[in-house]
């Protein structure tokens, strides 16, 4: 929990874990969501007295727990391990900076487009993906309310994106990536034989 003594860090073996902070009115502000192979809390264990955020498994999960003493011993004895820890904390910082940038510079639909594109294993062509966790958590992860997420899904239909329950069918992932990285002056979508642009005003 947020405020607990930072005594352990974790590596996710299976499942998904969300990191969040509690606001003054008791609501959750989701900071990040981590998946298999990712680690969290190492910076807190290394340099802080307490955890700055809380963590909660959002699916059935298995985690590897590393105590503060073990982490410190490894850092002292193994320079390569120390560099790995620095690399991990640097990556977390970079991701947080990117989140702030997206909140300030991109519309809700663009943030959703970027999220969906990040789940696709290909750069172009059609793709169907399963949403990794529920839509309420996706909305919180992207800094919006669930109703804003629903409106973004509707807007992305013009790009050939169809979201049904826990899956998203994308007609052309490159179109989605281009939209996520571009401005919001128009929505590009494909029709048979041509590409058109439609104003979103």
N, C-alpha and C. Protein backbone atom coordinates (compact mmCIF):
# COMPACT_ATOMS: atom_id res chain seq x y z
N UNK A 1 0.83 -1.20 0.00
CA UNK A 1 0.00 0.00 0.00
C UNK A 1 0.86 1.26 0.00
N UNK A 2 0.31 2.31 -0.57
CA UNK A 2 0.97 3.62 -0.55
C UNK A 2 1.28 4.02 0.89
N UNK A 3 2.51 4.39 1.16
CA UNK A 3 2.91 4.80 2.50
C UNK A 3 3.52 3.69 3.33
N UNK A 4 3.37 2.42 2.91
CA UNK A 4 4.00 1.31 3.63
C UNK A 4 5.52 1.38 3.48
N UNK A 5 6.23 0.77 4.42
CA UNK A 5 7.68 0.72 4.34
C UNK A 5 8.11 0.01 3.06
N UNK A 6 9.03 0.60 2.32
CA UNK A 6 9.49 0.03 1.04
C UNK A 6 10.51 -1.06 1.32
N UNK A 7 10.03 -2.27 1.52
CA UNK A 7 10.90 -3.38 1.94
C UNK A 7 11.12 -4.41 0.84
N UNK A 8 10.33 -4.37 -0.24
CA UNK A 8 10.43 -5.38 -1.29
C UNK A 8 10.09 -4.79 -2.64
N UNK A 9 10.72 -5.31 -3.69
CA UNK A 9 10.32 -4.99 -5.06
C UNK A 9 9.86 -6.28 -5.73
N UNK A 10 9.29 -6.16 -6.93
CA UNK A 10 8.62 -7.30 -7.54
C UNK A 10 8.89 -7.41 -9.04
N UNK A 11 8.88 -8.65 -9.51
CA UNK A 11 8.92 -8.95 -10.94
C UNK A 11 7.68 -9.78 -11.25
N UNK A 12 6.94 -9.40 -12.29
CA UNK A 12 5.70 -10.10 -12.62
C UNK A 12 6.01 -11.33 -13.47
N UNK A 13 5.65 -12.49 -12.97
CA UNK A 13 5.84 -13.75 -13.69
C UNK A 13 4.62 -14.04 -14.56
N UNK A 14 3.44 -13.77 -14.01
CA UNK A 14 2.19 -13.95 -14.76
C UNK A 14 1.20 -12.87 -14.32
N UNK A 15 0.34 -12.45 -15.25
CA UNK A 15 -0.74 -11.54 -14.91
C UNK A 15 -0.43 -10.07 -15.13
N UNK A 16 -1.33 -9.23 -14.58
CA UNK A 16 -1.23 -7.78 -14.71
C UNK A 16 -1.35 -7.14 -13.33
N UNK A 17 -0.60 -6.08 -13.10
CA UNK A 17 -0.63 -5.36 -11.83
C UNK A 17 -0.75 -3.87 -12.11
N UNK A 18 -1.65 -3.21 -11.41
CA UNK A 18 -1.77 -1.75 -11.56
C UNK A 18 -1.11 -1.05 -10.38
N UNK A 19 -0.50 0.10 -10.66
CA UNK A 19 0.04 0.97 -9.63
C UNK A 19 -0.84 2.21 -9.59
N UNK A 20 -1.22 2.64 -8.40
CA UNK A 20 -2.13 3.78 -8.29
C UNK A 20 -1.87 4.56 -7.01
N UNK A 21 -2.31 5.80 -7.01
CA UNK A 21 -2.27 6.63 -5.82
C UNK A 21 -3.70 6.96 -5.40
N UNK A 22 -3.92 7.08 -4.11
CA UNK A 22 -5.22 7.48 -3.60
C UNK A 22 -5.26 9.00 -3.48
N UNK A 23 -6.31 9.59 -4.04
CA UNK A 23 -6.47 11.04 -3.97
C UNK A 23 -7.06 11.43 -2.61
N UNK A 24 -7.13 12.72 -2.37
CA UNK A 24 -7.65 13.21 -1.08
C UNK A 24 -9.08 12.79 -0.85
N UNK A 25 -9.86 12.64 -1.92
CA UNK A 25 -11.26 12.24 -1.76
C UNK A 25 -11.45 10.73 -1.83
N UNK A 26 -10.33 9.97 -1.83
CA UNK A 26 -10.42 8.52 -1.77
C UNK A 26 -10.49 7.82 -3.11
N UNK A 27 -10.43 8.56 -4.21
CA UNK A 27 -10.46 7.94 -5.53
C UNK A 27 -9.07 7.45 -5.93
N UNK A 28 -9.04 6.55 -6.91
CA UNK A 28 -7.78 6.02 -7.41
C UNK A 28 -7.32 6.80 -8.63
N UNK A 29 -6.04 7.17 -8.63
CA UNK A 29 -5.42 7.76 -9.82
C UNK A 29 -4.39 6.74 -10.30
N UNK A 30 -4.69 6.07 -11.43
CA UNK A 30 -3.83 5.01 -11.92
C UNK A 30 -2.56 5.60 -12.51
N UNK A 31 -1.43 5.12 -12.03
CA UNK A 31 -0.13 5.61 -12.49
C UNK A 31 0.38 4.78 -13.65
N UNK A 32 0.25 3.45 -13.54
CA UNK A 32 0.73 2.58 -14.60
C UNK A 32 0.15 1.19 -14.43
N UNK A 33 0.27 0.40 -15.48
CA UNK A 33 -0.14 -1.00 -15.44
C UNK A 33 1.00 -1.82 -16.00
N UNK A 34 1.42 -2.85 -15.26
CA UNK A 34 2.57 -3.66 -15.64
C UNK A 34 2.14 -5.09 -15.96
N UNK A 35 2.91 -5.72 -16.87
CA UNK A 35 2.59 -7.06 -17.34
C UNK A 35 3.76 -8.00 -17.10
N UNK A 36 3.59 -9.22 -17.55
CA UNK A 36 4.59 -10.27 -17.40
C UNK A 36 5.98 -9.81 -17.87
N UNK A 37 6.97 -10.07 -17.03
CA UNK A 37 8.35 -9.72 -17.37
C UNK A 37 8.77 -8.35 -16.89
N UNK A 38 7.82 -7.53 -16.45
CA UNK A 38 8.15 -6.20 -15.97
C UNK A 38 8.33 -6.18 -14.46
N UNK A 39 9.06 -5.20 -13.98
CA UNK A 39 9.32 -5.07 -12.55
C UNK A 39 8.81 -3.73 -12.05
N UNK A 40 8.61 -3.63 -10.74
CA UNK A 40 8.22 -2.35 -10.16
C UNK A 40 8.65 -2.28 -8.70
N UNK A 41 8.74 -1.08 -8.20
CA UNK A 41 9.09 -0.74 -6.81
C UNK A 41 10.57 -0.81 -6.50
N UNK A 42 11.42 -1.10 -7.50
CA UNK A 42 12.85 -1.16 -7.21
C UNK A 42 13.42 0.19 -6.82
N UNK A 43 12.93 1.27 -7.43
CA UNK A 43 13.42 2.60 -7.08
C UNK A 43 13.05 2.95 -5.64
N UNK A 44 11.82 2.58 -5.25
CA UNK A 44 11.38 2.86 -3.88
C UNK A 44 12.22 2.08 -2.87
N UNK A 45 12.50 0.83 -3.17
CA UNK A 45 13.30 -0.01 -2.27
C UNK A 45 14.73 0.50 -2.18
N UNK A 46 15.23 1.00 -3.28
CA UNK A 46 16.62 1.45 -3.33
C UNK A 46 16.84 2.80 -2.65
N UNK A 47 15.86 3.70 -2.78
CA UNK A 47 16.13 5.07 -2.35
C UNK A 47 15.09 5.72 -1.45
N UNK A 48 14.00 5.04 -1.15
CA UNK A 48 12.92 5.66 -0.37
C UNK A 48 12.60 4.86 0.88
N UNK A 49 11.98 5.53 1.83
CA UNK A 49 11.55 4.86 3.06
C UNK A 49 10.19 4.19 2.89
N UNK A 50 9.37 4.71 1.98
CA UNK A 50 8.02 4.17 1.81
C UNK A 50 7.64 4.14 0.34
N UNK A 51 6.62 3.34 0.03
CA UNK A 51 6.14 3.25 -1.35
C UNK A 51 5.34 4.51 -1.70
N UNK A 52 5.63 5.15 -2.83
CA UNK A 52 4.88 6.35 -3.22
C UNK A 52 3.52 6.02 -3.83
N UNK A 53 3.31 4.75 -4.21
CA UNK A 53 2.05 4.31 -4.81
C UNK A 53 1.64 2.97 -4.20
N UNK A 54 0.41 2.59 -4.45
CA UNK A 54 -0.08 1.26 -4.05
C UNK A 54 -0.08 0.36 -5.28
N UNK A 55 -0.06 -0.95 -5.06
CA UNK A 55 -0.08 -1.92 -6.16
C UNK A 55 -1.20 -2.93 -5.92
N UNK A 56 -1.85 -3.34 -7.00
CA UNK A 56 -2.93 -4.32 -6.90
C UNK A 56 -2.95 -5.20 -8.14
N UNK A 57 -3.02 -6.50 -7.96
CA UNK A 57 -3.16 -7.41 -9.09
C UNK A 57 -4.57 -7.27 -9.65
N UNK A 58 -4.67 -7.10 -10.97
CA UNK A 58 -5.98 -6.92 -11.60
C UNK A 58 -6.43 -8.19 -12.32
N UNK A 59 -5.54 -9.18 -12.40
CA UNK A 59 -5.89 -10.51 -12.89
C UNK A 59 -5.21 -11.51 -11.98
N UNK A 60 -5.51 -12.79 -12.17
CA UNK A 60 -4.77 -13.82 -11.43
C UNK A 60 -3.29 -13.66 -11.78
N UNK A 61 -2.45 -13.52 -10.78
CA UNK A 61 -1.05 -13.16 -11.02
C UNK A 61 -0.09 -13.97 -10.16
N UNK A 62 1.15 -14.04 -10.64
CA UNK A 62 2.23 -14.65 -9.88
C UNK A 62 3.42 -13.68 -9.94
N UNK A 63 3.96 -13.34 -8.78
CA UNK A 63 5.03 -12.36 -8.71
C UNK A 63 6.24 -12.92 -7.98
N UNK A 64 7.42 -12.49 -8.42
CA UNK A 64 8.66 -12.81 -7.72
C UNK A 64 8.97 -11.64 -6.80
N UNK A 65 9.14 -11.92 -5.52
CA UNK A 65 9.37 -10.88 -4.52
C UNK A 65 10.85 -10.85 -4.15
N UNK A 66 11.45 -9.65 -4.17
CA UNK A 66 12.87 -9.49 -3.84
C UNK A 66 12.98 -8.52 -2.67
N UNK A 67 13.56 -8.96 -1.58
CA UNK A 67 13.65 -8.12 -0.39
C UNK A 67 14.67 -6.99 -0.58
N UNK A 68 14.53 -5.97 0.23
CA UNK A 68 15.44 -4.83 0.18
C UNK A 68 16.88 -5.25 0.45
N UNK A 69 17.09 -6.12 1.42
CA UNK A 69 18.45 -6.56 1.76
C UNK A 69 19.10 -7.30 0.60
N UNK A 70 18.34 -8.20 -0.03
CA UNK A 70 18.87 -8.95 -1.17
C UNK A 70 19.19 -8.02 -2.32
N UNK A 71 18.31 -7.07 -2.59
CA UNK A 71 18.55 -6.13 -3.67
C UNK A 71 19.83 -5.33 -3.43
N UNK A 72 20.02 -4.85 -2.20
CA UNK A 72 21.21 -4.06 -1.89
C UNK A 72 22.48 -4.91 -2.00
N UNK A 73 22.41 -6.16 -1.57
CA UNK A 73 23.57 -7.05 -1.68
C UNK A 73 23.95 -7.27 -3.14
N UNK A 74 22.96 -7.51 -3.97
CA UNK A 74 23.22 -7.74 -5.39
C UNK A 74 23.84 -6.51 -6.05
N UNK A 75 23.35 -5.34 -5.67
CA UNK A 75 23.87 -4.11 -6.25
C UNK A 75 25.33 -3.91 -5.86
N UNK A 76 25.67 -4.20 -4.62
CA UNK A 76 27.05 -4.01 -4.14
C UNK A 76 28.00 -5.01 -4.81
N UNK A 77 27.54 -6.22 -5.05
CA UNK A 77 28.42 -7.28 -5.53
C UNK A 77 28.50 -7.38 -7.05
N UNK A 78 27.48 -6.91 -7.72
CA UNK A 78 27.40 -7.14 -9.17
C UNK A 78 27.11 -5.83 -9.91
N UNK A 79 28.13 -5.22 -10.50
CA UNK A 79 27.92 -3.96 -11.23
C UNK A 79 26.91 -4.07 -12.37
N UNK A 80 26.90 -5.23 -13.05
CA UNK A 80 25.96 -5.40 -14.15
C UNK A 80 24.52 -5.40 -13.64
N UNK A 81 24.32 -6.00 -12.47
CA UNK A 81 23.00 -6.00 -11.86
C UNK A 81 22.60 -4.57 -11.50
N UNK A 82 23.54 -3.81 -10.96
CA UNK A 82 23.28 -2.41 -10.62
C UNK A 82 22.89 -1.61 -11.84
N UNK A 83 23.57 -1.85 -12.96
CA UNK A 83 23.23 -1.16 -14.20
C UNK A 83 21.84 -1.55 -14.69
N UNK A 84 21.46 -2.81 -14.48
CA UNK A 84 20.12 -3.26 -14.87
C UNK A 84 19.05 -2.53 -14.07
N UNK A 85 19.32 -2.34 -12.77
CA UNK A 85 18.37 -1.61 -11.93
C UNK A 85 18.25 -0.17 -12.40
N UNK A 86 19.38 0.46 -12.70
CA UNK A 86 19.35 1.84 -13.21
C UNK A 86 18.59 1.92 -14.53
N UNK A 87 18.80 0.93 -15.39
CA UNK A 87 18.10 0.90 -16.67
C UNK A 87 16.60 0.78 -16.47
N UNK A 88 16.19 -0.07 -15.53
CA UNK A 88 14.78 -0.28 -15.26
C UNK A 88 14.12 0.99 -14.72
N UNK A 89 14.78 1.64 -13.75
CA UNK A 89 14.20 2.86 -13.19
C UNK A 89 14.17 3.98 -14.23
N UNK A 90 15.18 4.02 -15.10
CA UNK A 90 15.20 5.02 -16.17
C UNK A 90 14.05 4.79 -17.14
N UNK A 91 13.75 3.52 -17.45
CA UNK A 91 12.65 3.20 -18.34
C UNK A 91 11.32 3.63 -17.73
N UNK A 92 11.15 3.38 -16.42
CA UNK A 92 9.92 3.79 -15.76
C UNK A 92 9.74 5.31 -15.84
N UNK A 93 10.82 6.04 -15.62
CA UNK A 93 10.76 7.50 -15.69
C UNK A 93 10.39 7.95 -17.10
N UNK A 94 10.99 7.32 -18.11
CA UNK A 94 10.69 7.67 -19.50
C UNK A 94 9.21 7.44 -19.80
N UNK A 95 8.67 6.33 -19.31
CA UNK A 95 7.26 6.02 -19.55
C UNK A 95 6.34 7.05 -18.88
N UNK A 96 6.72 7.49 -17.68
CA UNK A 96 5.92 8.51 -17.00
C UNK A 96 5.95 9.83 -17.76
N UNK A 97 7.12 10.20 -18.26
CA UNK A 97 7.23 11.42 -19.05
C UNK A 97 6.37 11.32 -20.31
N UNK A 98 6.37 10.16 -20.95
CA UNK A 98 5.55 9.96 -22.15
C UNK A 98 4.06 10.07 -21.81
N UNK A 99 3.66 9.55 -20.64
CA UNK A 99 2.27 9.65 -20.23
C UNK A 99 1.86 11.11 -20.05
N UNK A 100 2.71 11.89 -19.40
CA UNK A 100 2.42 13.31 -19.20
C UNK A 100 2.31 14.02 -20.55
N UNK A 101 3.23 13.70 -21.46
CA UNK A 101 3.21 14.29 -22.79
C UNK A 101 1.92 13.97 -23.52
N UNK A 102 1.48 12.72 -23.45
CA UNK A 102 0.26 12.31 -24.13
C UNK A 102 -0.96 13.01 -23.54
N UNK A 103 -0.98 13.16 -22.21
CA UNK A 103 -2.11 13.84 -21.58
C UNK A 103 -2.21 15.29 -22.02
N UNK A 104 -1.07 15.94 -22.24
CA UNK A 104 -1.05 17.35 -22.60
C UNK A 104 -1.17 17.59 -24.10
N UNK A 105 -0.66 16.67 -24.91
CA UNK A 105 -0.52 16.93 -26.33
C UNK A 105 -1.48 16.14 -27.22
N UNK A 106 -2.12 15.10 -26.69
CA UNK A 106 -2.96 14.25 -27.53
C UNK A 106 -4.40 14.21 -27.02
N UNK A 107 -5.33 14.05 -27.95
CA UNK A 107 -6.74 13.91 -27.58
C UNK A 107 -6.98 12.53 -26.98
N UNK A 108 -8.16 12.36 -26.40
CA UNK A 108 -8.52 11.07 -25.82
C UNK A 108 -8.48 9.97 -26.88
N UNK A 109 -9.02 10.26 -28.07
CA UNK A 109 -9.04 9.26 -29.14
C UNK A 109 -7.63 8.89 -29.57
N UNK A 110 -6.73 9.86 -29.63
CA UNK A 110 -5.34 9.56 -30.00
C UNK A 110 -4.66 8.70 -28.94
N UNK A 111 -4.95 8.96 -27.67
CA UNK A 111 -4.35 8.15 -26.60
C UNK A 111 -4.85 6.71 -26.67
N UNK A 112 -6.14 6.55 -26.96
CA UNK A 112 -6.69 5.21 -27.11
C UNK A 112 -6.09 4.52 -28.33
N UNK A 113 -5.93 5.27 -29.42
CA UNK A 113 -5.32 4.70 -30.63
C UNK A 113 -3.91 4.22 -30.34
N UNK A 114 -3.14 5.02 -29.61
CA UNK A 114 -1.76 4.63 -29.27
C UNK A 114 -1.76 3.38 -28.40
N UNK A 115 -2.69 3.31 -27.45
CA UNK A 115 -2.78 2.14 -26.58
C UNK A 115 -3.08 0.88 -27.39
N UNK A 116 -4.07 0.95 -28.28
CA UNK A 116 -4.42 -0.21 -29.10
C UNK A 116 -3.26 -0.60 -30.01
N UNK A 117 -2.60 0.40 -30.59
CA UNK A 117 -1.48 0.12 -31.49
C UNK A 117 -0.34 -0.57 -30.75
N UNK A 118 -0.14 -0.22 -29.47
CA UNK A 118 0.94 -0.83 -28.69
C UNK A 118 0.71 -2.31 -28.44
N UNK A 119 -0.52 -2.76 -28.58
CA UNK A 119 -0.85 -4.17 -28.36
C UNK A 119 -0.72 -5.01 -29.63
N UNK A 120 -0.54 -4.35 -30.78
CA UNK A 120 -0.47 -5.07 -32.05
C UNK A 120 0.95 -5.52 -32.35
N UNK A 121 1.16 -6.76 -32.75
CA UNK A 121 2.51 -7.26 -33.01
C UNK A 121 3.05 -6.90 -34.39
N UNK A 122 2.26 -6.18 -35.20
CA UNK A 122 2.67 -5.88 -36.56
C UNK A 122 2.63 -4.38 -36.80
N UNK A 123 3.24 -3.94 -37.89
CA UNK A 123 3.31 -2.51 -38.22
C UNK A 123 2.22 -2.09 -39.19
N UNK A 124 1.69 -3.02 -39.95
CA UNK A 124 0.67 -2.67 -40.95
C UNK A 124 -0.25 -3.87 -41.15
N UNK A 125 -1.38 -3.63 -41.82
CA UNK A 125 -2.32 -4.70 -42.09
C UNK A 125 -3.38 -4.84 -41.01
N UNK A 126 -4.26 -5.81 -41.22
CA UNK A 126 -5.35 -6.04 -40.28
C UNK A 126 -4.85 -6.76 -39.03
N UNK A 127 -5.52 -6.49 -37.91
CA UNK A 127 -5.09 -7.09 -36.64
C UNK A 127 -6.29 -7.16 -35.70
N UNK A 128 -6.45 -8.27 -35.02
CA UNK A 128 -7.46 -8.41 -33.98
C UNK A 128 -6.74 -8.72 -32.67
N UNK A 129 -7.02 -7.92 -31.65
CA UNK A 129 -6.34 -8.06 -30.37
C UNK A 129 -7.35 -8.21 -29.24
N UNK A 130 -6.95 -8.88 -28.20
CA UNK A 130 -7.75 -8.95 -27.00
C UNK A 130 -7.35 -7.83 -26.05
N UNK A 131 -8.32 -7.17 -25.47
CA UNK A 131 -8.01 -6.13 -24.49
C UNK A 131 -7.48 -6.81 -23.23
N UNK A 132 -6.33 -6.37 -22.71
CA UNK A 132 -5.67 -7.10 -21.63
C UNK A 132 -6.38 -7.02 -20.28
N UNK A 133 -7.17 -5.97 -20.07
CA UNK A 133 -7.90 -5.84 -18.82
C UNK A 133 -9.16 -5.02 -19.06
N UNK A 134 -9.99 -4.85 -18.05
CA UNK A 134 -11.31 -4.26 -18.27
C UNK A 134 -11.22 -2.79 -18.68
N UNK A 135 -12.30 -2.30 -19.28
CA UNK A 135 -12.30 -0.98 -19.88
C UNK A 135 -12.19 0.15 -18.85
N UNK A 136 -12.70 -0.10 -17.64
CA UNK A 136 -12.56 0.91 -16.59
C UNK A 136 -11.09 1.14 -16.26
N UNK A 137 -10.33 0.06 -16.21
CA UNK A 137 -8.90 0.17 -15.93
C UNK A 137 -8.17 0.80 -17.11
N UNK A 138 -8.57 0.47 -18.33
CA UNK A 138 -7.96 1.09 -19.51
C UNK A 138 -8.18 2.61 -19.47
N UNK A 139 -9.41 3.02 -19.14
CA UNK A 139 -9.71 4.45 -19.06
C UNK A 139 -8.82 5.13 -18.02
N UNK A 140 -8.72 4.53 -16.84
CA UNK A 140 -7.88 5.10 -15.79
C UNK A 140 -6.42 5.17 -16.20
N UNK A 141 -5.95 4.12 -16.88
CA UNK A 141 -4.56 4.07 -17.34
C UNK A 141 -4.27 5.19 -18.33
N UNK A 142 -5.27 5.57 -19.12
CA UNK A 142 -5.08 6.60 -20.14
C UNK A 142 -5.50 7.99 -19.67
N UNK A 143 -5.85 8.12 -18.39
CA UNK A 143 -6.17 9.43 -17.83
C UNK A 143 -7.51 9.98 -18.27
N UNK A 144 -8.52 9.12 -18.37
CA UNK A 144 -9.84 9.57 -18.77
C UNK A 144 -10.92 8.79 -18.03
N UNK A 145 -12.15 9.26 -18.14
CA UNK A 145 -13.28 8.58 -17.53
C UNK A 145 -13.80 7.51 -18.49
N UNK A 146 -14.49 6.48 -17.97
CA UNK A 146 -15.02 5.42 -18.84
C UNK A 146 -15.88 5.93 -19.98
N UNK A 147 -16.68 6.97 -19.73
CA UNK A 147 -17.53 7.49 -20.80
C UNK A 147 -16.69 8.15 -21.90
N UNK A 148 -15.55 8.74 -21.53
CA UNK A 148 -14.66 9.32 -22.53
C UNK A 148 -14.02 8.22 -23.38
N UNK A 149 -13.71 7.09 -22.74
CA UNK A 149 -13.17 5.96 -23.48
C UNK A 149 -14.18 5.45 -24.49
N UNK A 150 -15.44 5.35 -24.08
CA UNK A 150 -16.49 4.89 -25.00
C UNK A 150 -16.62 5.82 -26.19
N UNK A 151 -16.56 7.13 -25.96
CA UNK A 151 -16.64 8.09 -27.07
C UNK A 151 -15.43 7.97 -27.99
N UNK A 152 -14.27 7.69 -27.41
CA UNK A 152 -13.07 7.52 -28.23
C UNK A 152 -13.20 6.29 -29.11
N UNK A 153 -13.74 5.20 -28.57
CA UNK A 153 -13.95 3.99 -29.37
C UNK A 153 -14.88 4.29 -30.56
N UNK A 154 -15.93 5.07 -30.30
CA UNK A 154 -16.86 5.44 -31.37
C UNK A 154 -16.14 6.25 -32.44
N UNK A 155 -15.31 7.20 -32.02
CA UNK A 155 -14.58 8.04 -32.97
C UNK A 155 -13.62 7.21 -33.82
N UNK A 156 -13.02 6.19 -33.22
CA UNK A 156 -12.04 5.38 -33.94
C UNK A 156 -12.68 4.44 -34.96
N UNK A 157 -14.00 4.33 -34.93
CA UNK A 157 -14.66 3.52 -35.95
C UNK A 157 -14.38 4.06 -37.35
N UNK A 158 -14.17 5.37 -37.45
CA UNK A 158 -13.89 5.98 -38.75
C UNK A 158 -12.55 5.54 -39.30
N UNK A 159 -11.72 4.99 -38.46
CA UNK A 159 -10.42 4.47 -38.90
C UNK A 159 -10.47 2.96 -39.13
N UNK A 160 -11.65 2.38 -39.01
CA UNK A 160 -11.76 0.94 -39.20
C UNK A 160 -11.49 0.15 -37.95
N UNK A 161 -11.76 0.74 -36.77
CA UNK A 161 -11.56 0.04 -35.49
C UNK A 161 -12.92 -0.34 -34.92
N UNK A 162 -13.09 -1.60 -34.60
CA UNK A 162 -14.33 -2.08 -34.00
C UNK A 162 -14.01 -2.78 -32.69
N UNK A 163 -14.60 -2.27 -31.61
CA UNK A 163 -14.37 -2.85 -30.28
C UNK A 163 -15.65 -3.55 -29.85
N UNK A 164 -15.55 -4.84 -29.62
CA UNK A 164 -16.68 -5.64 -29.16
C UNK A 164 -16.26 -6.41 -27.92
N UNK A 165 -16.88 -6.08 -26.81
CA UNK A 165 -16.56 -6.70 -25.53
C UNK A 165 -15.08 -6.58 -25.21
N UNK A 166 -14.35 -7.67 -25.21
CA UNK A 166 -12.94 -7.63 -24.81
C UNK A 166 -11.98 -7.78 -25.98
N UNK A 167 -12.43 -7.44 -27.19
CA UNK A 167 -11.57 -7.57 -28.36
C UNK A 167 -11.72 -6.34 -29.25
N UNK A 168 -10.64 -6.03 -29.98
CA UNK A 168 -10.65 -4.91 -30.91
C UNK A 168 -10.17 -5.41 -32.27
N UNK A 169 -10.97 -5.19 -33.31
CA UNK A 169 -10.59 -5.54 -34.67
C UNK A 169 -10.15 -4.26 -35.38
N UNK A 170 -8.92 -4.25 -35.89
CA UNK A 170 -8.34 -3.07 -36.52
C UNK A 170 -8.12 -3.39 -37.99
N UNK A 171 -8.69 -2.58 -38.88
CA UNK A 171 -8.61 -2.86 -40.31
C UNK A 171 -7.20 -2.64 -40.86
N UNK A 172 -6.53 -1.58 -40.39
CA UNK A 172 -5.16 -1.31 -40.84
C UNK A 172 -4.40 -0.64 -39.71
N UNK A 173 -3.47 -1.35 -39.12
CA UNK A 173 -2.75 -0.85 -37.96
C UNK A 173 -1.92 0.38 -38.30
N UNK A 174 -1.43 0.48 -39.55
CA UNK A 174 -0.63 1.65 -39.92
C UNK A 174 -1.47 2.92 -39.89
N UNK A 175 -2.71 2.85 -40.34
CA UNK A 175 -3.62 4.00 -40.28
C UNK A 175 -3.83 4.42 -38.83
N UNK A 176 -3.98 3.44 -37.96
CA UNK A 176 -4.19 3.74 -36.54
C UNK A 176 -2.95 4.39 -35.93
N UNK A 177 -1.77 3.85 -36.27
CA UNK A 177 -0.51 4.43 -35.74
C UNK A 177 -0.32 5.85 -36.25
N UNK A 178 -0.60 6.09 -37.53
CA UNK A 178 -0.45 7.43 -38.09
C UNK A 178 -1.37 8.42 -37.38
N UNK A 179 -2.59 7.99 -37.11
CA UNK A 179 -3.53 8.86 -36.41
C UNK A 179 -3.07 9.15 -34.99
N UNK A 180 -2.56 8.14 -34.31
CA UNK A 180 -2.10 8.31 -32.93
C UNK A 180 -0.94 9.29 -32.86
N UNK A 181 -0.10 9.31 -33.88
CA UNK A 181 1.09 10.17 -33.87
C UNK A 181 0.85 11.54 -34.49
N UNK A 182 -0.30 11.72 -35.18
CA UNK A 182 -0.54 12.96 -35.89
C UNK A 182 -1.40 13.93 -35.11
N UNK A 183 -1.80 15.01 -35.80
CA UNK A 183 -2.68 15.96 -35.14
C UNK A 183 -4.11 15.49 -35.29
N UNK A 184 -5.03 16.18 -34.61
CA UNK A 184 -6.43 15.75 -34.60
C UNK A 184 -7.30 16.60 -35.53
N UNK A 185 -6.68 17.16 -36.54
CA UNK A 185 -7.44 18.02 -37.44
C UNK A 185 -8.41 17.27 -38.32
N UNK A 186 -8.15 16.00 -38.55
CA UNK A 186 -9.04 15.19 -39.37
C UNK A 186 -8.85 13.74 -39.05
N UNK A 187 -9.83 12.95 -39.37
CA UNK A 187 -9.75 11.52 -39.15
C UNK A 187 -9.56 10.83 -40.48
N UNK A 188 -8.49 10.07 -40.62
CA UNK A 188 -8.22 9.36 -41.86
C UNK A 188 -8.81 7.97 -41.77
N UNK A 189 -9.51 7.57 -42.78
CA UNK A 189 -10.05 6.22 -42.78
C UNK A 189 -10.07 5.69 -44.21
N UNK A 190 -10.15 4.38 -44.34
CA UNK A 190 -10.07 3.76 -45.66
C UNK A 190 -11.46 3.40 -46.18
N UNK A 191 -11.64 3.65 -47.47
CA UNK A 191 -12.79 3.14 -48.19
C UNK A 191 -12.26 2.28 -49.32
N UNK A 192 -13.08 1.43 -49.90
CA UNK A 192 -12.60 0.59 -50.99
C UNK A 192 -12.03 1.45 -52.12
N UNK A 193 -10.72 1.26 -52.39
CA UNK A 193 -10.09 1.91 -53.52
C UNK A 193 -9.52 3.28 -53.26
N UNK A 194 -9.77 3.87 -52.07
CA UNK A 194 -9.22 5.19 -51.84
C UNK A 194 -9.07 5.47 -50.35
N UNK A 195 -8.38 6.57 -50.04
CA UNK A 195 -8.24 7.03 -48.67
C UNK A 195 -8.84 8.41 -48.58
N UNK A 196 -9.70 8.64 -47.62
CA UNK A 196 -10.39 9.92 -47.50
C UNK A 196 -10.10 10.55 -46.16
N UNK A 197 -10.35 11.85 -46.06
CA UNK A 197 -10.16 12.58 -44.81
C UNK A 197 -11.46 13.26 -44.46
N UNK A 198 -11.87 13.11 -43.21
CA UNK A 198 -13.12 13.67 -42.77
C UNK A 198 -12.87 14.57 -41.57
N UNK A 199 -13.39 15.77 -41.61
CA UNK A 199 -13.19 16.69 -40.49
C UNK A 199 -13.88 16.17 -39.26
N UNK A 200 -13.26 16.41 -38.10
CA UNK A 200 -13.87 15.99 -36.83
C UNK A 200 -14.55 17.15 -36.14
N UNK A 201 -14.60 18.30 -36.77
CA UNK A 201 -15.23 19.48 -36.15
C UNK A 201 -16.73 19.25 -36.00
